[in-house]
Amino acid sequence: MQYSHSNRGIDVVWFKRDLRIRDHTPLANALSRGRQVLLLHIYEPTDLAHLTTSNRHLTFRWQAWTALCKEVRALNWPVQTAVLHAPALDVLKYLHEVSGIRALYSYQETGLAHTFIRDQAITRWVRINEIPWHEQRQQAIYRGLKHRKKWANDWHNTMRGGLTRASPGPNLERFEVPEWPPGWACVETPHVTHCNDPGGCGPFQKGGEREARRYLQTFFEGRVKGYRRQIGRPLESRKSCSRLSPYLAWGCLSMRQVYQTFQNADVPRAKMDLKAFGSRLRWQGHFIQKFESECRIEFESVNRGYADFPYHGTPESLAAWKEGKTGIPLVDACMRCVINTGYLNFRMRAMLVSFLTHHLDHPWQAGVEHLARCFLDFEPGIHFSQFQMQAGVTGINTIRIYNPVKQSMERDSEGLFIREWVPELVKMPIEYLHSPWTQPPMERLWSGLDLTYADPIVSVESAGRAAREKLWKFKKTNAVREEATRILRIHVAPSSLD
């Protein structure tokens, strides 16, 4: 149905990575105007084609969006909703032609280069068509920030601010949505074809605001106990960590909601656990701000001095890392786990990146898209910043080269995690489980074990030693040191430079 220009007058709330109705300022502002409101979510072809996107992301978004729409209907809000598969600019142009857009509401997005280019094009278009675009800043993230002089204070003030409540204005009326061009309306989750990903099949966390609140509630009701002690353990952390990261990454919760719940938490015998959790909350904003301030780090090392750092990794070792077939039990268990569940605790993520870039001698760019697809909680600002930190190419952070055998013995001492994800080693005696290559050949032959598990593709000790020597030598070069000084000025608070 084509609408005449006499019917012009809808406000559009464009949901990106903010799939919630609580503490959602653009939504609250649009509803308060008392005009016709369309809630819009878009699966863009450029996003589906991007190599960081996987079916698990799309499924999580679909679950979150359908849950949002269901709740809007239950609240009987007089608004319309639409989920489309089309370029965002084409959608807005079409809406303006057939219905007229009075105003566009959204959050600013700290996304990837292609989403920024898209937003620049939309900015030009709304200006030409004199459509107000009310972009709300996400938490305390500032575009183009050149220093951190007041950032920490701004973050805390934002987190302490009142939660936004969305409520329809008194004159808000229902309206009829336009008929979309063929192929635009989504009736099921779109899928990508550039990776073999199970999507919604498997033990993935479910998307949606209700699920997010459930994880938030159970964490502060008791799961937080043991957080400090178990955060580094790949098996125990699956329960003792908050598991809120995908809900923050896709906006089913705001960080302000999490922060204020933490501030009000009173869990008996968990004081130190709560303190450890609280100390990490600002990390999220810190790394997203770092990415927002210097978004070229999607492609380049934040420290330009590492542009010529020599790497000699082979295609075969990269493939073995991606498939969890390196012959190093904890590395393989971690990779298989995150491929199949979308989750892995922080320390094990750091170890995977360290092993790729240090032991296997690959640049961080070789694995950054693979793990982005694996992580259900893929957040560009955190992902690219952390990947480079663990790869040792910032020039300002301590170089950490994780020994996967040592990590295995300390973090999975009984081998429960390894046996779960590397079934070839289920019957391996514990004294050899963390380093199977140390078992005498004859003993292994006569033990009745599954002999299909590969031998290690690299020597942990010698490769680690070589990486350490190379990294520390390169960190002392003038180019790296000069860049380190620049990075500290931009991304670190002045008080930290004393």
Protein backbone atom coordinates (compact mmCIF):
# COMPACT_ATOMS: atom_id res chain seq x y z
CA MET A 1 0.00 0.00 0.00
CA GLN A 2 1.39 3.39 -0.97
CA TYR A 3 0.68 6.23 1.45
CA SER A 4 -0.03 9.77 0.34
CA HIS A 5 2.10 12.57 1.71
CA SER A 6 -0.96 13.78 3.64
CA ASN A 7 -0.38 10.82 5.96
CA ARG A 8 3.18 11.81 6.67
CA GLY A 9 4.23 11.73 10.26
CA ILE A 10 5.84 8.67 11.88
CA ASP A 11 8.68 8.66 14.34
CA VAL A 12 11.13 5.80 13.85
CA VAL A 13 13.05 4.19 16.70
CA TRP A 14 15.92 2.28 15.13
CA PHE A 15 17.19 -0.51 17.38
CA LYS A 16 20.77 -1.56 16.70
CA ARG A 17 22.77 -3.20 19.52
CA ASP A 18 20.24 -2.02 22.11
CA LEU A 19 17.52 -4.68 22.08
CA ARG A 20 15.53 -3.71 25.18
CA ILE A 21 12.73 -1.39 26.27
CA ARG A 22 14.01 -0.59 29.78
CA ASP A 23 16.55 2.19 30.31
CA HIS A 24 16.30 2.98 26.59
CA THR A 25 16.43 6.76 26.17
CA PRO A 26 15.69 6.98 22.40
CA LEU A 27 12.58 4.84 22.87
CA ALA A 28 11.42 6.89 25.85
CA ASN A 29 11.94 10.15 23.98
CA ALA A 30 10.04 8.96 20.91
CA LEU A 31 7.08 7.65 22.90
CA SER A 32 6.82 10.82 24.94
CA ARG A 33 6.08 12.89 21.82
CA GLY A 34 2.64 11.32 21.43
CA ARG A 35 3.01 10.63 17.71
CA GLN A 36 2.89 7.51 15.55
CA VAL A 37 5.92 5.38 16.38
CA LEU A 38 7.56 2.54 14.45
CA LEU A 39 10.05 0.31 16.26
CA LEU A 40 12.53 -0.94 13.69
CA HIS A 41 15.28 -3.55 13.62
CA ILE A 42 17.26 -4.28 10.47
CA TYR A 43 19.40 -7.21 9.33
CA GLU A 44 21.62 -5.46 6.80
CA PRO A 45 23.21 -7.39 3.91
CA THR A 46 26.60 -5.77 4.59
CA ASP A 47 26.43 -6.97 8.18
CA LEU A 48 25.44 -10.50 7.19
CA ALA A 49 28.34 -10.61 4.74
CA HIS A 50 30.89 -9.36 7.27
CA LEU A 51 33.37 -12.00 8.45
CA THR A 52 32.79 -11.20 12.12
CA THR A 53 29.10 -12.16 11.83
CA SER A 54 27.86 -15.67 12.55
CA ASN A 55 24.50 -17.37 12.77
CA ARG A 56 24.65 -17.46 16.57
CA HIS A 57 24.71 -13.65 16.57
CA LEU A 58 21.76 -13.46 14.20
CA THR A 59 19.77 -15.99 16.20
CA PHE A 60 20.46 -14.17 19.47
CA ARG A 61 19.29 -10.91 17.89
CA TRP A 62 16.17 -12.59 16.55
CA GLN A 63 15.33 -14.02 19.97
CA ALA A 64 15.90 -10.63 21.59
CA TRP A 65 13.82 -8.77 19.01
CA THR A 66 10.88 -11.18 19.09
CA ALA A 67 10.92 -11.07 22.90
CA LEU A 68 10.91 -7.26 22.76
CA CYS A 69 7.93 -7.23 20.37
CA LYS A 70 6.05 -9.72 22.53
CA GLU A 71 6.51 -7.53 25.58
CA VAL A 72 5.42 -4.42 23.68
CA ARG A 73 2.22 -6.23 22.69
CA ALA A 74 1.66 -7.39 26.27
CA LEU A 75 1.97 -3.78 27.44
CA ASN A 76 -0.56 -2.81 24.77
CA TRP A 77 1.60 0.03 23.51
CA PRO A 78 0.00 1.65 20.43
CA VAL A 79 3.13 1.27 18.30
CA GLN A 80 4.09 -0.79 15.28
CA THR A 81 7.14 -3.01 14.91
CA ALA A 82 9.11 -4.22 11.90
CA VAL A 83 12.15 -6.43 11.36
CA LEU A 84 13.60 -6.21 7.88
CA HIS A 85 16.40 -7.59 5.72
CA ALA A 86 17.58 -4.67 3.59
CA PRO A 87 20.12 -1.82 3.61
CA ALA A 88 19.21 0.64 6.37
CA LEU A 89 19.38 3.69 4.12
CA ASP A 90 17.03 2.04 1.61
CA VAL A 91 14.58 1.27 4.41
CA LEU A 92 14.58 4.86 5.65
CA LYS A 93 14.20 6.25 2.13
CA TYR A 94 11.25 3.96 1.48
CA LEU A 95 9.59 4.83 4.78
CA HIS A 96 9.99 8.53 4.10
CA GLU A 97 8.49 8.15 0.64
CA VAL A 98 5.41 6.18 1.63
CA SER A 99 4.75 7.35 5.19
CA GLY A 100 7.01 10.27 5.95
CA ILE A 101 9.53 10.30 8.78
CA ARG A 102 9.15 13.12 11.28
CA ALA A 103 12.17 12.11 13.33
CA LEU A 104 14.63 9.24 13.69
CA TYR A 105 15.67 8.03 17.15
CA SER A 106 18.58 5.71 17.95
CA TYR A 107 21.65 5.17 20.06
CA GLN A 108 25.07 5.96 18.69
CA GLU A 109 26.77 2.73 17.71
CA THR A 110 30.38 1.83 18.37
CA GLY A 111 30.41 -0.57 15.48
CA LEU A 112 32.68 -1.66 12.68
CA ALA A 113 33.89 0.36 9.72
CA HIS A 114 30.98 -0.65 7.49
CA THR A 115 28.38 0.48 10.06
CA PHE A 116 30.18 3.80 10.49
CA ILE A 117 30.19 4.36 6.72
CA ARG A 118 26.48 3.53 6.71
CA ASP A 119 25.79 6.05 9.47
CA GLN A 120 27.72 8.73 7.60
CA ALA A 121 25.53 8.15 4.54
CA ILE A 122 22.37 8.29 6.65
CA THR A 123 23.59 11.50 8.30
CA ARG A 124 23.93 13.13 4.89
CA TRP A 125 20.50 11.90 3.82
CA VAL A 126 18.60 13.08 6.91
CA ARG A 127 20.22 16.50 6.61
CA ILE A 128 19.16 16.84 2.99
CA ASN A 129 15.62 15.79 3.89
CA GLU A 130 15.55 17.90 7.07
CA ILE A 131 14.76 14.90 9.29
CA PRO A 132 15.98 15.25 12.87
CA TRP A 133 18.13 12.29 13.91
CA HIS A 134 18.26 12.12 17.69
CA GLU A 135 21.29 9.96 18.43
CA GLN A 136 21.76 9.17 22.10
CA ARG A 137 25.22 8.55 23.50
CA GLN A 138 25.72 5.02 24.85
CA GLN A 139 26.72 5.10 28.54
CA ALA A 140 29.84 7.32 28.74
CA ILE A 141 31.23 6.68 25.26
CA TYR A 142 32.25 9.82 23.37
CA ARG A 143 32.92 9.93 19.66
CA GLY A 144 36.34 11.27 18.77
CA LEU A 145 37.50 11.66 22.37
CA LYS A 146 41.14 12.83 22.39
CA HIS A 147 41.96 12.27 26.06
CA ARG A 148 40.65 10.68 29.27
CA LYS A 149 40.93 13.63 31.65
CA LYS A 150 37.34 13.44 32.91
CA TRP A 151 36.18 10.17 31.40
CA ALA A 152 36.20 8.08 34.59
CA ASN A 153 34.09 10.68 36.43
CA ASP A 154 31.67 10.87 33.52
CA TRP A 155 31.35 7.09 33.49
CA HIS A 156 30.52 6.94 37.20
CA ASN A 157 28.06 9.83 36.95
CA THR A 158 26.33 8.14 34.03
CA MET A 159 26.10 4.83 35.85
CA ARG A 160 24.56 6.54 38.90
CA GLY A 161 21.98 8.40 36.85
CA GLY A 162 18.31 7.54 36.87
CA LEU A 163 17.08 4.69 34.70
CA THR A 164 14.98 5.86 31.76
CA ARG A 165 11.38 4.64 31.70
CA ALA A 166 9.53 4.39 28.39
CA SER A 167 5.82 5.17 28.47
CA PRO A 168 3.50 6.09 25.58
CA GLY A 169 2.36 9.70 25.47
CA PRO A 170 -1.37 10.45 25.88
CA ASN A 171 -2.03 11.08 22.19
CA LEU A 172 -0.10 8.12 20.80
CA GLU A 173 -2.24 6.32 18.21
CA ARG A 174 -1.88 3.15 16.23
CA PHE A 175 -1.27 3.38 12.51
CA GLU A 176 -0.96 1.05 9.58
CA VAL A 177 2.55 0.04 8.54
CA PRO A 178 3.40 0.15 4.84
CA GLU A 179 3.66 -2.88 2.65
CA TRP A 180 7.34 -3.67 2.37
CA PRO A 181 9.06 -4.40 -0.94
CA PRO A 182 9.44 -8.12 -1.76
CA GLY A 183 12.10 -9.85 0.30
CA TRP A 184 12.39 -7.17 2.96
CA ALA A 185 10.12 -8.49 5.70
CA CYS A 186 11.78 -11.15 7.87
CA VAL A 187 9.63 -14.08 8.94
CA GLU A 188 12.55 -16.03 10.38
CA THR A 189 16.18 -15.52 11.31
CA PRO A 190 18.43 -14.65 8.35
CA HIS A 191 21.53 -16.81 8.00
CA VAL A 192 25.10 -16.34 6.85
CA THR A 193 26.86 -18.74 4.51
CA HIS A 194 30.51 -17.72 4.98
CA CYS A 195 31.01 -19.91 8.06
CA ASN A 196 29.87 -23.28 9.30
CA ASP A 197 28.04 -22.17 12.42
CA PRO A 198 25.20 -24.01 14.18
CA GLY A 199 23.30 -20.79 14.87
CA GLY A 200 20.53 -21.45 17.36
CA CYS A 201 21.26 -25.17 17.61
CA GLY A 202 23.32 -25.93 20.68
CA PRO A 203 23.69 -24.84 24.29
CA PHE A 204 23.81 -21.12 23.54
CA GLN A 205 22.39 -18.51 25.88
CA LYS A 206 19.02 -17.22 24.68
CA GLY A 207 18.52 -13.62 23.67
CA GLY A 208 16.02 -11.27 25.23
CA GLU A 209 15.48 -8.86 28.09
CA ARG A 210 13.74 -11.41 30.29
CA GLU A 211 16.64 -13.85 29.93
CA ALA A 212 19.06 -11.04 30.70
CA ARG A 213 17.24 -10.13 33.89
CA ARG A 214 17.16 -13.79 34.90
CA TYR A 215 20.95 -14.08 34.61
CA LEU A 216 21.34 -10.79 36.47
CA GLN A 217 19.08 -11.96 39.28
CA THR A 218 20.60 -15.42 39.73
CA PHE A 219 24.11 -13.99 39.73
CA PHE A 220 23.46 -11.57 42.58
CA GLU A 221 21.26 -14.06 44.42
CA GLY A 222 24.08 -16.52 44.83
CA ARG A 223 26.12 -17.42 41.73
CA VAL A 224 28.49 -14.58 42.56
CA LYS A 225 29.79 -16.65 45.48
CA GLY A 226 33.04 -18.12 44.26
CA TYR A 227 33.42 -15.54 41.47
CA ARG A 228 36.83 -14.32 42.64
CA ARG A 229 38.18 -17.83 43.11
CA GLN A 230 36.74 -19.42 39.98
CA ILE A 231 36.87 -16.64 37.40
CA GLY A 232 40.02 -18.12 35.85
CA ARG A 233 38.78 -21.72 35.67
CA PRO A 234 37.25 -22.75 32.34
CA LEU A 235 34.71 -25.15 33.83
CA GLU A 236 33.64 -23.52 37.09
CA SER A 237 33.48 -20.03 35.58
CA ARG A 238 30.56 -21.08 33.40
CA LYS A 239 28.38 -20.81 36.51
CA SER A 240 30.25 -18.51 38.88
CA CYS A 241 30.78 -15.73 36.32
CA SER A 242 27.84 -13.43 35.62
CA ARG A 243 27.33 -14.58 32.00
CA LEU A 244 25.90 -11.12 31.30
CA SER A 245 28.31 -10.28 28.48
CA PRO A 246 26.06 -11.26 25.52
CA TYR A 247 23.19 -9.25 27.01
CA LEU A 248 25.44 -6.22 27.33
CA ALA A 249 26.95 -6.74 23.88
CA TRP A 250 23.53 -6.82 22.17
CA GLY A 251 21.89 -4.34 24.52
CA CYS A 252 19.35 -6.55 26.30
CA LEU A 253 20.70 -4.86 29.43
CA SER A 254 22.33 -1.48 29.88
CA MET A 255 25.52 -1.28 31.86
CA ARG A 256 23.72 1.21 34.10
CA GLN A 257 21.21 -1.49 35.06
CA VAL A 258 24.04 -3.87 35.91
CA TYR A 259 26.00 -1.25 37.84
CA GLN A 260 23.06 -0.19 39.95
CA THR A 261 22.07 -3.79 40.67
CA PHE A 262 25.65 -4.40 41.78
CA GLN A 263 25.62 -1.31 43.99
CA ASN A 264 22.46 -2.51 45.74
CA ALA A 265 23.57 -6.14 46.06
CA ASP A 266 23.86 -7.63 49.53
CA VAL A 267 25.02 -11.23 49.28
CA PRO A 268 26.09 -12.91 52.53
CA ARG A 269 29.68 -14.18 52.55
CA ALA A 270 30.38 -12.73 49.10
CA LYS A 271 31.91 -9.36 49.90
CA MET A 272 35.23 -10.05 48.17
CA ASP A 273 33.48 -11.67 45.20
CA LEU A 274 31.30 -8.59 44.73
CA LYS A 275 34.32 -6.33 45.00
CA ALA A 276 36.17 -8.35 42.35
CA PHE A 277 33.16 -8.20 40.03
CA GLY A 278 32.66 -4.47 40.56
CA SER A 279 36.28 -3.69 39.78
CA ARG A 280 35.78 -5.05 36.28
CA LEU A 281 32.61 -3.19 35.32
CA ARG A 282 34.39 -0.09 34.04
CA TRP A 283 36.62 -2.21 31.83
CA GLN A 284 33.78 -2.61 29.36
CA GLY A 285 33.41 1.13 28.83
CA HIS A 286 37.17 1.69 28.84
CA PHE A 287 37.82 -0.64 25.92
CA ILE A 288 34.80 0.50 23.93
CA GLN A 289 35.94 4.10 24.37
CA LYS A 290 39.42 3.13 23.23
CA PHE A 291 37.96 1.65 20.04
CA GLU A 292 35.67 4.65 19.51
CA SER A 293 38.57 7.06 19.89
CA GLU A 294 40.82 5.16 17.47
CA CYS A 295 38.66 2.93 15.30
CA ARG A 296 41.47 2.12 12.87
CA ILE A 297 42.44 -0.65 15.32
CA GLU A 298 39.82 -2.78 13.63
CA PHE A 299 42.51 -3.30 11.00
CA GLU A 300 45.83 -2.07 12.44
CA SER A 301 47.73 -2.47 15.69
CA VAL A 302 47.02 0.43 18.01
CA ASN A 303 50.79 0.81 18.30
CA ARG A 304 51.94 1.54 14.75
CA GLY A 305 55.45 0.52 15.74
CA TYR A 306 54.37 -3.11 15.33
CA ALA A 307 53.41 -2.69 11.68
CA ASP A 308 56.63 -4.47 10.62
CA PHE A 309 56.71 -7.07 13.37
CA PRO A 310 57.86 -10.34 11.75
CA TYR A 311 55.50 -13.34 11.84
CA HIS A 312 56.16 -16.76 10.36
CA GLY A 313 53.03 -18.80 11.13
CA THR A 314 51.87 -21.38 8.60
CA PRO A 315 48.40 -21.92 7.11
CA GLU A 316 48.42 -25.42 8.58
CA SER A 317 48.98 -24.20 12.14
CA LEU A 318 46.28 -21.55 11.76
CA ALA A 319 43.79 -24.17 10.58
CA ALA A 320 44.70 -26.47 13.48
CA TRP A 321 44.15 -23.61 15.96
CA LYS A 322 40.75 -22.75 14.49
CA GLU A 323 39.61 -26.38 14.57
CA GLY A 324 40.91 -27.22 18.03
CA LYS A 325 43.42 -29.74 16.72
CA THR A 326 46.76 -28.38 17.89
CA GLY A 327 47.63 -31.35 20.10
CA ILE A 328 47.73 -29.06 23.16
CA PRO A 329 44.79 -30.30 25.28
CA LEU A 330 43.70 -27.08 26.98
CA VAL A 331 44.00 -25.04 23.79
CA ASP A 332 41.91 -27.56 21.87
CA ALA A 333 39.35 -27.90 24.67
CA CYS A 334 38.90 -24.13 24.83
CA MET A 335 38.50 -23.76 21.09
CA ARG A 336 36.02 -26.61 20.81
CA CYS A 337 34.08 -25.28 23.77
CA VAL A 338 33.69 -21.76 22.40
CA ILE A 339 32.82 -23.06 18.94
CA ASN A 340 30.01 -25.17 20.38
CA THR A 341 28.71 -22.94 23.18
CA GLY A 342 29.70 -19.35 22.32
CA TYR A 343 31.24 -18.80 25.76
CA LEU A 344 34.69 -18.97 27.29
CA ASN A 345 36.02 -17.21 30.35
CA PHE A 346 38.42 -14.30 30.01
CA ARG A 347 41.66 -16.07 30.93
CA MET A 348 41.09 -18.87 28.46
CA ARG A 349 40.25 -16.37 25.71
CA ALA A 350 43.51 -14.59 26.46
CA MET A 351 45.36 -17.91 26.31
CA LEU A 352 43.88 -18.75 22.89
CA VAL A 353 45.03 -15.41 21.48
CA SER A 354 48.43 -15.72 23.13
CA PHE A 355 48.92 -19.21 21.74
CA LEU A 356 47.97 -18.06 18.22
CA THR A 357 50.17 -14.99 18.15
CA HIS A 358 53.08 -16.14 20.30
CA HIS A 359 53.50 -19.92 20.04
CA LEU A 360 52.15 -20.25 16.49
CA ASP A 361 53.63 -16.90 15.38
CA HIS A 362 50.61 -15.44 13.59
CA PRO A 363 49.56 -11.78 13.49
CA TRP A 364 46.46 -11.02 15.54
CA GLN A 365 44.51 -10.25 12.37
CA ALA A 366 44.73 -13.93 11.39
CA GLY A 367 42.37 -15.04 14.16
CA VAL A 368 40.39 -11.97 15.14
CA GLU A 369 37.42 -12.67 12.83
CA HIS A 370 37.27 -16.37 13.71
CA LEU A 371 36.88 -15.72 17.43
CA ALA A 372 34.50 -12.84 16.75
CA ARG A 373 32.21 -15.35 15.04
CA CYS A 374 32.61 -17.81 17.91
CA PHE A 375 31.94 -15.37 20.76
CA LEU A 376 28.22 -14.96 21.33
CA ASP A 377 29.11 -11.74 23.16
CA PHE A 378 31.14 -10.24 20.31
CA GLU A 379 31.47 -6.52 21.04
CA PRO A 380 33.76 -4.73 18.54
CA GLY A 381 35.21 -2.25 21.02
CA ILE A 382 36.20 -4.92 23.50
CA HIS A 383 37.17 -7.57 20.96
CA PHE A 384 39.73 -5.68 18.90
CA SER A 385 41.25 -3.89 21.88
CA GLN A 386 41.62 -7.08 23.91
CA PHE A 387 42.91 -9.12 21.00
CA GLN A 388 45.79 -6.69 20.55
CA MET A 389 46.53 -6.54 24.26
CA GLN A 390 46.83 -10.32 24.49
CA ALA A 391 48.90 -10.38 21.29
CA GLY A 392 51.39 -8.03 22.95
CA VAL A 393 51.28 -5.30 20.29
CA THR A 394 50.15 -2.30 22.33
CA GLY A 395 53.58 -1.34 23.64
CA ILE A 396 52.07 -0.18 26.95
CA ASN A 397 50.85 -3.42 28.52
CA THR A 398 52.87 -6.15 30.16
CA ILE A 399 53.67 -8.90 27.67
CA ARG A 400 51.91 -12.07 28.79
CA ILE A 401 52.76 -15.33 27.09
CA TYR A 402 50.46 -17.96 28.56
CA ASN A 403 51.94 -21.42 28.92
CA PRO A 404 48.93 -23.64 28.11
CA VAL A 405 50.33 -26.63 30.00
CA LYS A 406 50.87 -24.56 33.15
CA GLN A 407 47.41 -23.02 32.75
CA SER A 408 45.94 -26.47 32.32
CA MET A 409 47.53 -27.82 35.48
CA GLU A 410 46.50 -24.78 37.51
CA ARG A 411 43.03 -24.07 36.10
CA ASP A 412 41.82 -27.56 35.21
CA SER A 413 43.88 -29.64 37.61
CA GLU A 414 41.54 -32.64 37.56
CA GLY A 415 41.15 -32.47 33.79
CA LEU A 416 37.36 -32.32 33.86
CA PHE A 417 37.14 -29.54 31.27
CA ILE A 418 39.66 -31.21 28.97
CA ARG A 419 37.94 -34.60 29.16
CA GLU A 420 34.60 -32.99 28.33
CA TRP A 421 35.80 -31.25 25.18
CA VAL A 422 38.62 -33.54 24.03
CA PRO A 423 36.97 -36.97 24.23
CA GLU A 424 40.04 -38.57 22.67
CA LEU A 425 41.71 -38.06 26.07
CA VAL A 426 38.90 -39.36 28.29
CA LYS A 427 40.96 -42.38 29.36
CA MET A 428 44.29 -40.59 29.53
CA PRO A 429 45.90 -40.92 33.00
CA ILE A 430 45.88 -37.60 34.81
CA GLU A 431 49.68 -37.52 35.04
CA TYR A 432 49.84 -37.23 31.23
CA LEU A 433 46.54 -35.49 30.49
CA HIS A 434 47.91 -31.94 30.41
CA SER A 435 50.79 -32.92 28.11
CA PRO A 436 50.02 -36.28 26.42
CA TRP A 437 53.26 -36.22 24.44
CA THR A 438 55.14 -36.95 27.66
CA GLN A 439 53.55 -40.40 27.99
CA PRO A 440 56.05 -43.12 27.00
CA PRO A 441 55.16 -44.44 23.52
CA MET A 442 54.92 -48.08 24.57
CA GLU A 443 52.71 -47.24 27.54
CA ARG A 444 50.39 -45.30 25.28
CA LEU A 445 50.31 -48.07 22.70
CA TRP A 446 49.32 -50.72 25.23
CA SER A 447 46.96 -48.56 27.27
CA GLY A 448 43.93 -48.92 24.99
CA LEU A 449 43.65 -45.16 24.57
CA ASP A 450 42.19 -43.40 21.57
CA LEU A 451 45.32 -42.77 19.50
CA THR A 452 43.65 -40.37 17.06
CA TYR A 453 44.53 -37.28 19.09
CA ALA A 454 47.23 -35.38 17.25
CA ASP A 455 50.75 -34.81 18.45
CA PRO A 456 51.46 -31.15 19.34
CA ILE A 457 52.11 -28.97 16.32
CA VAL A 458 54.62 -26.89 18.26
CA SER A 459 56.85 -27.18 21.29
CA VAL A 460 55.26 -25.09 24.02
CA GLU A 461 58.57 -24.39 25.74
CA SER A 462 60.76 -23.51 22.77
CA ALA A 463 58.06 -21.56 20.91
CA GLY A 464 57.23 -19.59 24.03
CA ARG A 465 60.87 -18.80 24.65
CA ALA A 466 61.40 -17.60 21.08
CA ALA A 467 58.28 -15.41 21.19
CA ARG A 468 59.32 -13.87 24.48
CA GLU A 469 62.75 -12.91 23.15
CA LYS A 470 61.32 -11.45 19.95
CA LEU A 471 58.55 -9.48 21.67
CA TRP A 472 60.72 -7.93 24.36
CA LYS A 473 63.38 -6.99 21.83
CA PHE A 474 60.83 -5.31 19.56
CA LYS A 475 59.16 -3.48 22.43
CA LYS A 476 62.43 -1.58 23.01
CA THR A 477 62.54 -0.11 19.48
CA ASN A 478 62.15 3.65 19.08
CA ALA A 479 59.05 3.31 16.94
CA VAL A 480 57.20 1.26 19.56
CA ARG A 481 58.31 3.52 22.41
CA GLU A 482 57.20 6.70 20.62
CA GLU A 483 53.83 5.18 19.86
CA ALA A 484 53.48 3.99 23.45
CA THR A 485 53.85 7.58 24.66
CA ARG A 486 51.14 8.72 22.22
CA ILE A 487 48.79 5.92 23.30
CA LEU A 488 49.18 6.78 26.98
CA ARG A 489 48.24 10.40 26.30
CA ILE A 490 45.03 9.45 24.51
CA HIS A 491 43.77 6.32 26.23
CA VAL A 492 44.96 6.53 29.84
CA ALA A 493 43.82 8.95 32.54
CA PRO A 494 46.50 11.55 33.48
CA SER A 495 46.65 10.29 37.08
CA SER A 496 47.84 6.94 35.74
CA LEU A 497 50.82 8.57 34.06
CA ASP A 498 52.41 9.87 37.25
